[in-house]
PDB file of N, CA and C in Angstrom:
ATOM      1  N   MET A   1      24.035  15.577 -14.696  1.00  0.00           N
ATOM      2  CA  MET A   1      23.217  15.427 -15.882  1.00  0.00           C
ATOM      3  C   MET A   1      21.909  16.139 -15.632  1.00  0.00           C
ATOM      4  N   SER A   2      21.477  16.863 -16.593  1.00  0.00           N
ATOM      5  CA  SER A   2      20.189  17.527 -16.443  1.00  0.00           C
ATOM      6  C   SER A   2      19.171  16.805 -17.307  1.00  0.00           C
ATOM      7  N   GLY A   3      17.969  16.682 -16.782  1.00  0.00           N
ATOM      8  CA  GLY A   3      16.929  16.003 -17.543  1.00  0.00           C
ATOM      9  C   GLY A   3      16.984  14.501 -17.375  1.00  0.00           C
ATOM     10  N   ARG A   4      16.003  13.866 -17.961  1.00  0.00           N
ATOM     11  CA  ARG A   4      15.869  12.414 -17.830  1.00  0.00           C
ATOM     12  C   ARG A   4      16.941  11.678 -18.609  1.00  0.00           C
ATOM     13  N   ASN A   5      17.268  10.488 -18.142  1.00  0.00           N
ATOM     14  CA  ASN A   5      18.184   9.609 -18.859  1.00  0.00           C
ATOM     15  C   ASN A   5      17.325   8.612 -19.635  1.00  0.00           C
ATOM     16  N   VAL A   6      16.919   9.033 -20.822  1.00  0.00           N
ATOM     17  CA  VAL A   6      16.027   8.235 -21.653  1.00  0.00           C
ATOM     18  C   VAL A   6      16.690   6.911 -22.042  1.00  0.00           C
ATOM     19  N   LYS A   7      17.994   6.939 -22.226  1.00  0.00           N
ATOM     20  CA  LYS A   7      18.721   5.732 -22.612  1.00  0.00           C
ATOM     21  C   LYS A   7      18.525   4.621 -21.572  1.00  0.00           C
ATOM     22  N   LEU A   8      18.597   4.979 -20.302  1.00  0.00           N
ATOM     23  CA  LEU A   8      18.385   3.985 -19.236  1.00  0.00           C
ATOM     24  C   LEU A   8      16.992   3.373 -19.322  1.00  0.00           C
ATOM     25  N   GLN A   9      16.006   4.220 -19.479  1.00  0.00           N
ATOM     26  CA  GLN A   9      14.631   3.732 -19.542  1.00  0.00           C
ATOM     27  C   GLN A   9      14.423   2.866 -20.781  1.00  0.00           C
ATOM     28  N   GLU A  10      14.973   3.274 -21.918  1.00  0.00           N
ATOM     29  CA  GLU A  10      14.820   2.492 -23.148  1.00  0.00           C
ATOM     30  C   GLU A  10      15.459   1.119 -23.011  1.00  0.00           C
ATOM     31  N   LEU A  11      16.631   1.050 -22.402  1.00  0.00           N
ATOM     32  CA  LEU A  11      17.295  -0.242 -22.214  1.00  0.00           C
ATOM     33  C   LEU A  11      16.454  -1.176 -21.349  1.00  0.00           C
ATOM     34  N   ARG A  12      15.846  -0.607 -20.310  1.00  0.00           N
ATOM     35  CA  ARG A  12      14.992  -1.415 -19.422  1.00  0.00           C
ATOM     36  C   ARG A  12      13.755  -1.896 -20.162  1.00  0.00           C
ATOM     37  N   ILE A  13      13.126  -1.015 -20.916  1.00  0.00           N
ATOM     38  CA  ILE A  13      11.897  -1.359 -21.630  1.00  0.00           C
ATOM     39  C   ILE A  13      12.173  -2.371 -22.738  1.00  0.00           C
ATOM     40  N   GLU A  14      13.336  -2.271 -23.409  1.00  0.00           N
ATOM     41  CA  GLU A  14      13.704  -3.251 -24.443  1.00  0.00           C
ATOM     42  C   GLU A  14      13.707  -4.668 -23.889  1.00  0.00           C
ATOM     43  N   ARG A  15      14.029  -4.789 -22.614  1.00  0.00           N
ATOM     44  CA  ARG A  15      14.075  -6.107 -21.978  1.00  0.00           C
ATOM     45  C   ARG A  15      12.742  -6.492 -21.339  1.00  0.00           C
ATOM     46  N   SER A  16      11.750  -5.621 -21.470  1.00  0.00           N
ATOM     47  CA  SER A  16      10.425  -5.821 -20.866  1.00  0.00           C
ATOM     48  C   SER A  16      10.525  -5.976 -19.350  1.00  0.00           C
ATOM     49  N   TRP A  17      11.413  -5.199 -18.737  1.00  0.00           N
ATOM     50  CA  TRP A  17      11.602  -5.233 -17.294  1.00  0.00           C
ATOM     51  C   TRP A  17      10.841  -4.089 -16.644  1.00  0.00           C
ATOM     52  N   THR A  18      10.191  -4.369 -15.543  1.00  0.00           N
ATOM     53  CA  THR A  18       9.650  -3.312 -14.699  1.00  0.00           C
ATOM     54  C   THR A  18      10.822  -2.723 -13.919  1.00  0.00           C
ATOM     55  N   LEU A  19      10.593  -1.608 -13.264  1.00  0.00           N
ATOM     56  CA  LEU A  19      11.651  -1.034 -12.418  1.00  0.00           C
ATOM     57  C   LEU A  19      12.093  -2.035 -11.358  1.00  0.00           C
ATOM     58  N   ARG A  20      11.126  -2.706 -10.757  1.00  0.00           N
ATOM     59  CA  ARG A  20      11.446  -3.651  -9.683  1.00  0.00           C
ATOM     60  C   ARG A  20      12.290  -4.818 -10.187  1.00  0.00           C
ATOM     61  N   VAL A  21      11.930  -5.371 -11.336  1.00  0.00           N
ATOM     62  CA  VAL A  21      12.679  -6.501 -11.906  1.00  0.00           C
ATOM     63  C   VAL A  21      14.081  -6.054 -12.310  1.00  0.00           C
ATOM     64  N   ALA A  22      14.179  -4.911 -12.982  1.00  0.00           N
ATOM     65  CA  ALA A  22      15.485  -4.404 -13.399  1.00  0.00           C
ATOM     66  C   ALA A  22      16.369  -4.140 -12.185  1.00  0.00           C
ATOM     67  N   ALA A  23      15.804  -3.514 -11.171  1.00  0.00           N
ATOM     68  CA  ALA A  23      16.575  -3.223  -9.961  1.00  0.00           C
ATOM     69  C   ALA A  23      17.077  -4.502  -9.302  1.00  0.00           C
ATOM     70  N   ARG A  24      16.264  -5.547  -9.328  1.00  0.00           N
ATOM     71  CA  ARG A  24      16.684  -6.828  -8.759  1.00  0.00           C
ATOM     72  C   ARG A  24      17.881  -7.386  -9.527  1.00  0.00           C
ATOM     73  N   HIS A  25      17.850  -7.296 -10.871  1.00  0.00           N
ATOM     74  CA  HIS A  25      18.977  -7.755 -11.688  1.00  0.00           C
ATOM     75  C   HIS A  25      20.250  -6.965 -11.381  1.00  0.00           C
ATOM     76  N   MET A  26      20.090  -5.700 -11.032  1.00  0.00           N
ATOM     77  CA  MET A  26      21.226  -4.810 -10.807  1.00  0.00           C
ATOM     78  C   MET A  26      21.690  -4.773  -9.363  1.00  0.00           C
ATOM     79  N   ALA A  27      20.922  -5.363  -8.474  1.00  0.00           N
ATOM     80  CA  ALA A  27      21.199  -5.336  -7.039  1.00  0.00           C
ATOM     81  C   ALA A  27      21.205  -3.903  -6.499  1.00  0.00           C
ATOM     82  N   VAL A  28      20.248  -3.109  -6.990  1.00  0.00           N
ATOM     83  CA  VAL A  28      20.015  -1.770  -6.458  1.00  0.00           C
ATOM     84  C   VAL A  28      18.530  -1.675  -6.112  1.00  0.00           C
ATOM     85  N   SER A  29      18.165  -0.642  -5.402  1.00  0.00           N
ATOM     86  CA  SER A  29      16.748  -0.487  -5.077  1.00  0.00           C
ATOM     87  C   SER A  29      16.008   0.110  -6.277  1.00  0.00           C
ATOM     88  N   PRO A  30      14.711  -0.165  -6.375  1.00  0.00           N
ATOM     89  CA  PRO A  30      13.930   0.454  -7.440  1.00  0.00           C
ATOM     90  C   PRO A  30      14.003   1.982  -7.401  1.00  0.00           C
ATOM     91  N   THR A  31      14.139   2.543  -6.207  1.00  0.00           N
ATOM     92  CA  THR A  31      14.252   3.996  -6.076  1.00  0.00           C
ATOM     93  C   THR A  31      15.524   4.514  -6.724  1.00  0.00           C
ATOM     94  N   VAL A  32      16.626   3.796  -6.537  1.00  0.00           N
ATOM     95  CA  VAL A  32      17.901   4.192  -7.158  1.00  0.00           C
ATOM     96  C   VAL A  32      17.758   4.195  -8.677  1.00  0.00           C
ATOM     97  N   LEU A  33      17.157   3.144  -9.218  1.00  0.00           N
ATOM     98  CA  LEU A  33      16.998   3.047 -10.659  1.00  0.00           C
ATOM     99  C   LEU A  33      16.021   4.106 -11.182  1.00  0.00           C
ATOM    100  N   PHE A  34      14.917   4.305 -10.483  1.00  0.00           N
ATOM    101  CA  PHE A  34      13.959   5.335 -10.882  1.00  0.00           C
ATOM    102  C   PHE A  34      14.631   6.707 -10.918  1.00  0.00           C
ATOM    103  N   ASN A  35      15.363   7.028  -9.860  1.00  0.00           N
ATOM    104  CA  ASN A  35      16.049   8.320  -9.805  1.00  0.00           C
ATOM    105  C   ASN A  35      17.074   8.456 -10.926  1.00  0.00           C
ATOM    106  N   ALA A  36      17.789   7.382 -11.237  1.00  0.00           N
ATOM    107  CA  ALA A  36      18.762   7.421 -12.331  1.00  0.00           C
ATOM    108  C   ALA A  36      18.062   7.697 -13.656  1.00  0.00           C
ATOM    109  N   GLU A  37      16.928   7.065 -13.882  1.00  0.00           N
ATOM    110  CA  GLU A  37      16.160   7.298 -15.105  1.00  0.00           C
ATOM    111  C   GLU A  37      15.631   8.732 -15.161  1.00  0.00           C
ATOM    112  N   GLN A  38      15.424   9.338 -14.010  1.00  0.00           N
ATOM    113  CA  GLN A  38      14.929  10.719 -13.953  1.00  0.00           C
ATOM    114  C   GLN A  38      16.058  11.743 -14.056  1.00  0.00           C
ATOM    115  N   GLY A  39      17.304  11.265 -14.141  1.00  0.00           N
ATOM    116  CA  GLY A  39      18.427  12.176 -14.338  1.00  0.00           C
ATOM    117  C   GLY A  39      19.294  12.411 -13.129  1.00  0.00           C
ATOM    118  N   VAL A  40      19.020  11.723 -12.023  1.00  0.00           N
ATOM    119  CA  VAL A  40      19.835  11.861 -10.826  1.00  0.00           C
ATOM    120  C   VAL A  40      20.984  10.857 -10.922  1.00  0.00           C
ATOM    121  N   MET A  41      22.213  11.355 -10.902  1.00  0.00           N
ATOM    122  CA  MET A  41      23.371  10.469 -11.001  1.00  0.00           C
ATOM    123  C   MET A  41      23.477   9.635  -9.728  1.00  0.00           C
ATOM    124  N   PRO A  42      23.488   8.303  -9.868  1.00  0.00           N
ATOM    125  CA  PRO A  42      23.593   7.454  -8.675  1.00  0.00           C
ATOM    126  C   PRO A  42      25.020   7.439  -8.136  1.00  0.00           C
ATOM    127  N   ARG A  43      25.176   6.843  -6.966  1.00  0.00           N
ATOM    128  CA  ARG A  43      26.519   6.634  -6.425  1.00  0.00           C
ATOM    129  C   ARG A  43      27.325   5.831  -7.432  1.00  0.00           C
ATOM    130  N   VAL A  44      28.636   5.950  -7.358  1.00  0.00           N
ATOM    131  CA  VAL A  44      29.515   5.282  -8.315  1.00  0.00           C
ATOM    132  C   VAL A  44      29.288   3.773  -8.325  1.00  0.00           C
ATOM    133  N   ASP A  45      29.167   3.153  -7.166  1.00  0.00           N
ATOM    134  CA  ASP A  45      28.983   1.698  -7.134  1.00  0.00           C
ATOM    135  C   ASP A  45      27.665   1.298  -7.793  1.00  0.00           C
ATOM    136  N   HIS A  46      26.622   2.089  -7.596  1.00  0.00           N
ATOM    137  CA  HIS A  46      25.346   1.781  -8.236  1.00  0.00           C
ATOM    138  C   HIS A  46      25.426   2.015  -9.744  1.00  0.00           C
ATOM    139  N   ALA A  47      26.101   3.079 -10.159  1.00  0.00           N
ATOM    140  CA  ALA A  47      26.262   3.346 -11.595  1.00  0.00           C
ATOM    141  C   ALA A  47      26.993   2.190 -12.271  1.00  0.00           C
ATOM    142  N   ILE A  48      27.994   1.646 -11.611  1.00  0.00           N
ATOM    143  CA  ILE A  48      28.746   0.509 -12.162  1.00  0.00           C
ATOM    144  C   ILE A  48      27.847  -0.714 -12.260  1.00  0.00           C
ATOM    145  N   GLN A  49      27.041  -0.975 -11.228  1.00  0.00           N
ATOM    146  CA  GLN A  49      26.130  -2.128 -11.256  1.00  0.00           C
ATOM    147  C   GLN A  49      25.103  -1.993 -12.377  1.00  0.00           C
ATOM    148  N   ILE A  50      24.558  -0.801 -12.562  1.00  0.00           N
ATOM    149  CA  ILE A  50      23.571  -0.572 -13.615  1.00  0.00           C
ATOM    150  C   ILE A  50      24.213  -0.755 -14.981  1.00  0.00           C
ATOM    151  N   ALA A  51      25.357  -0.123 -15.184  1.00  0.00           N
ATOM    152  CA  ALA A  51      26.046  -0.208 -16.476  1.00  0.00           C
ATOM    153  C   ALA A  51      26.459  -1.637 -16.787  1.00  0.00           C
ATOM    154  N   THR A  52      26.942  -2.358 -15.803  1.00  0.00           N
ATOM    155  CA  THR A  52      27.363  -3.746 -16.006  1.00  0.00           C
ATOM    156  C   THR A  52      26.179  -4.611 -16.431  1.00  0.00           C
ATOM    157  N   THR A  53      25.023  -4.401 -15.829  1.00  0.00           N
ATOM    158  CA  THR A  53      23.834  -5.165 -16.192  1.00  0.00           C
ATOM    159  C   THR A  53      23.474  -4.953 -17.654  1.00  0.00           C
ATOM    160  N   TYR A  54      23.622  -3.724 -18.136  1.00  0.00           N
ATOM    161  CA  TYR A  54      23.307  -3.407 -19.523  1.00  0.00           C
ATOM    162  C   TYR A  54      24.500  -3.611 -20.462  1.00  0.00           C
ATOM    163  N   ARG A  55      25.597  -4.125 -19.924  1.00  0.00           N
ATOM    164  CA  ARG A  55      26.818  -4.382 -20.710  1.00  0.00           C
ATOM    165  C   ARG A  55      27.301  -3.124 -21.431  1.00  0.00           C
ATOM    166  N   MET A  56      27.324  -2.048 -20.679  1.00  0.00           N
ATOM    167  CA  MET A  56      27.797  -0.767 -21.198  1.00  0.00           C
ATOM    168  C   MET A  56      28.765  -0.171 -20.192  1.00  0.00           C
ATOM    169  N   SER A  57      29.513   0.825 -20.632  1.00  0.00           N
ATOM    170  CA  SER A  57      30.370   1.542 -19.692  1.00  0.00           C
ATOM    171  C   SER A  57      29.542   2.627 -19.014  1.00  0.00           C
ATOM    172  N   VAL A  58      29.972   3.008 -17.844  1.00  0.00           N
ATOM    173  CA  VAL A  58      29.293   4.084 -17.125  1.00  0.00           C
ATOM    174  C   VAL A  58      29.323   5.354 -17.976  1.00  0.00           C
ATOM    175  N   GLU A  59      30.461   5.603 -18.602  1.00  0.00           N
ATOM    176  CA  GLU A  59      30.603   6.808 -19.423  1.00  0.00           C
ATOM    177  C   GLU A  59      29.593   6.833 -20.562  1.00  0.00           C
ATOM    178  N   ASP A  60      29.436   5.706 -21.261  1.00  0.00           N
ATOM    179  CA  ASP A  60      28.497   5.656 -22.379  1.00  0.00           C
ATOM    180  C   ASP A  60      27.050   5.766 -21.912  1.00  0.00           C
ATOM    181  N   LEU A  61      26.761   5.175 -20.775  1.00  0.00           N
ATOM    182  CA  LEU A  61      25.389   5.181 -20.282  1.00  0.00           C
ATOM    183  C   LEU A  61      24.960   6.552 -19.780  1.00  0.00           C
ATOM    184  N   TRP A  62      25.905   7.321 -19.253  1.00  0.00           N
ATOM    185  CA  TRP A  62      25.567   8.640 -18.721  1.00  0.00           C
ATOM    186  C   TRP A  62      26.108   9.787 -19.570  1.00  0.00           C
ATOM    187  N   LYS A  63      26.551   9.467 -20.788  1.00  0.00           N
ATOM    188  CA  LYS A  63      27.022  10.526 -21.675  1.00  0.00           C
ATOM    189  C   LYS A  63      25.820  11.354 -22.091  1.00  0.00           C
ATOM    190  N   SER A  64      25.896  12.652 -21.885  1.00  0.00           N
ATOM    191  CA  SER A  64      24.757  13.485 -22.250  1.00  0.00           C
ATOM    192  C   SER A  64      24.818  13.854 -23.723  1.00  0.00           C
ATOM    193  N   ALA A  65      23.639  13.936 -24.328  1.00  0.00           N
ATOM    194  CA  ALA A  65      23.537  14.340 -25.729  1.00  0.00           C
ATOM    195  C   ALA A  65      23.764  15.842 -25.796  1.00  0.00           C
ATOM    196  N   PRO A  66      24.388  16.322 -26.868  1.00  0.00           N
ATOM    197  CA  PRO A  66      24.591  17.763 -26.972  1.00  0.00           C
ATOM    198  C   PRO A  66      23.262  18.499 -27.096  1.00  0.00           C
ATOM    199  N   ASP A  67      23.185  19.644 -26.463  1.00  0.00           N
ATOM    200  CA  ASP A  67      21.974  20.465 -26.542  1.00  0.00           C
ATOM    201  C   ASP A  67      21.925  21.181 -27.874  1.00  0.00           C
ATOM    202  N   ALA A  68      20.722  21.359 -28.397  1.00  0.00           N
ATOM    203  CA  ALA A  68      20.549  22.066 -29.663  1.00  0.00           C
ATOM    204  C   ALA A  68      21.053  23.506 -29.545  1.00  0.00           C
ATOM    205  N   GLU A  69      20.903  24.115 -28.361  1.00  0.00           N
ATOM    206  CA  GLU A  69      21.337  25.488 -28.182  1.00  0.00           C
ATOM    207  C   GLU A  69      22.858  25.612 -28.241  1.00  0.00           C
ATOM    208  N   SER A  70      23.570  24.550 -27.873  1.00  0.00           N
ATOM    209  CA  SER A  70      25.024  24.626 -27.851  1.00  0.00           C
ATOM    210  C   SER A  70      25.635  24.355 -29.215  1.00  0.00           C
ATOM    211  N   CYS A  71      24.830  24.019 -30.214  1.00  0.00           N
ATOM    212  CA  CYS A  71      25.320  23.747 -31.552  1.00  0.00           C
ATOM    213  C   CYS A  71      25.491  25.059 -32.304  1.00  0.00           C
ATOM    214  N   SER A  72      26.527  25.105 -33.097  1.00  0.00           N
ATOM    215  CA  SER A  72      26.715  26.281 -33.928  1.00  0.00           C
ATOM    216  C   SER A  72      26.736  25.845 -35.384  1.00  0.00           C
ATOM    217  N   PRO A  73      26.425  26.749 -36.311  1.00  0.00           N
ATOM    218  CA  PRO A  73      26.439  26.382 -37.735  1.00  0.00           C
ATOM    219  C   PRO A  73      27.807  25.905 -38.199  1.00  0.00           C
ATOM    220  N   ARG A  74      28.862  26.364 -37.511  1.00  0.00           N
ATOM    221  CA  ARG A  74      30.210  25.945 -37.907  1.00  0.00           C
ATOM    222  C   ARG A  74      30.591  24.576 -37.376  1.00  0.00           C
ATOM    223  N   LYS A  75      29.891  24.112 -36.340  1.00  0.00           N
ATOM    224  CA  LYS A  75      30.204  22.818 -35.739  1.00  0.00           C
ATOM    225  C   LYS A  75      28.947  21.985 -35.605  1.00  0.00           C
ATOM    226  N   PRO A  76      28.357  21.523 -36.701  1.00  0.00           N
ATOM    227  CA  PRO A  76      27.107  20.763 -36.602  1.00  0.00           C
ATOM    228  C   PRO A  76      27.295  19.293 -36.247  1.00  0.00           C
ATOM    229  N   VAL A  77      28.528  18.799 -36.246  1.00  0.00           N
ATOM    230  CA  VAL A  77      28.750  17.384 -35.982  1.00  0.00           C
ATOM    231  C   VAL A  77      28.338  17.058 -34.554  1.00  0.00           C
ATOM    232  N   GLY A  78      27.493  16.037 -34.410  1.00  0.00           N
ATOM    233  CA  GLY A  78      27.041  15.595 -33.095  1.00  0.00           C
ATOM    234  C   GLY A  78      25.891  16.406 -32.532  1.00  0.00           C
ATOM    235  N   CYS A  79      25.420  17.377 -33.272  1.00  0.00           N
ATOM    236  CA  CYS A  79      24.310  18.205 -32.802  1.00  0.00           C
ATOM    237  C   CYS A  79      23.006  17.715 -33.389  1.00  0.00           C
ATOM    238  N   ARG A  80      21.956  17.831 -32.599  1.00  0.00           N
ATOM    239  CA  ARG A  80      20.632  17.462 -33.082  1.00  0.00           C
ATOM    240  C   ARG A  80      20.102  18.588 -33.946  1.00  0.00           C
ATOM    241  N   GLN A  81      19.511  18.228 -35.032  1.00  0.00           N
ATOM    242  CA  GLN A  81      18.913  19.218 -35.931  1.00  0.00           C
ATOM    243  C   GLN A  81      17.462  19.411 -35.530  1.00  0.00           C
ATOM    244  N   LEU A  82      17.056  20.645 -35.379  1.00  0.00           N
ATOM    245  CA  LEU A  82      15.664  20.932 -35.052  1.00  0.00           C
ATOM    246  C   LEU A  82      14.847  20.958 -36.323  1.00  0.00           C
ATOM    247  N   SER A  83      13.682  20.345 -36.302  1.00  0.00           N
ATOM    248  CA  SER A  83      12.851  20.349 -37.504  1.00  0.00           C
ATOM    249  C   SER A  83      11.643  21.233 -37.340  1.00  0.00           C
TER     250      SER A  83
END
């Protein structure tokens, strides 16, 4: 994954959790969670622990959004529109 995982950070903030508190709930280190939020894919076991805490699948949590550059006028479904 390239770029930050905003979804991870938003889920944590919705719960009013600091990195340390969220990491404690997930049984991972704050560094693992911070790196995941920054776009570094964690080990599989950590990804499962994080996803389970948020009641999501690993696939949904790390699914990347389509890039605006990869969208074509013929296939706009799922593409972000630039304003």
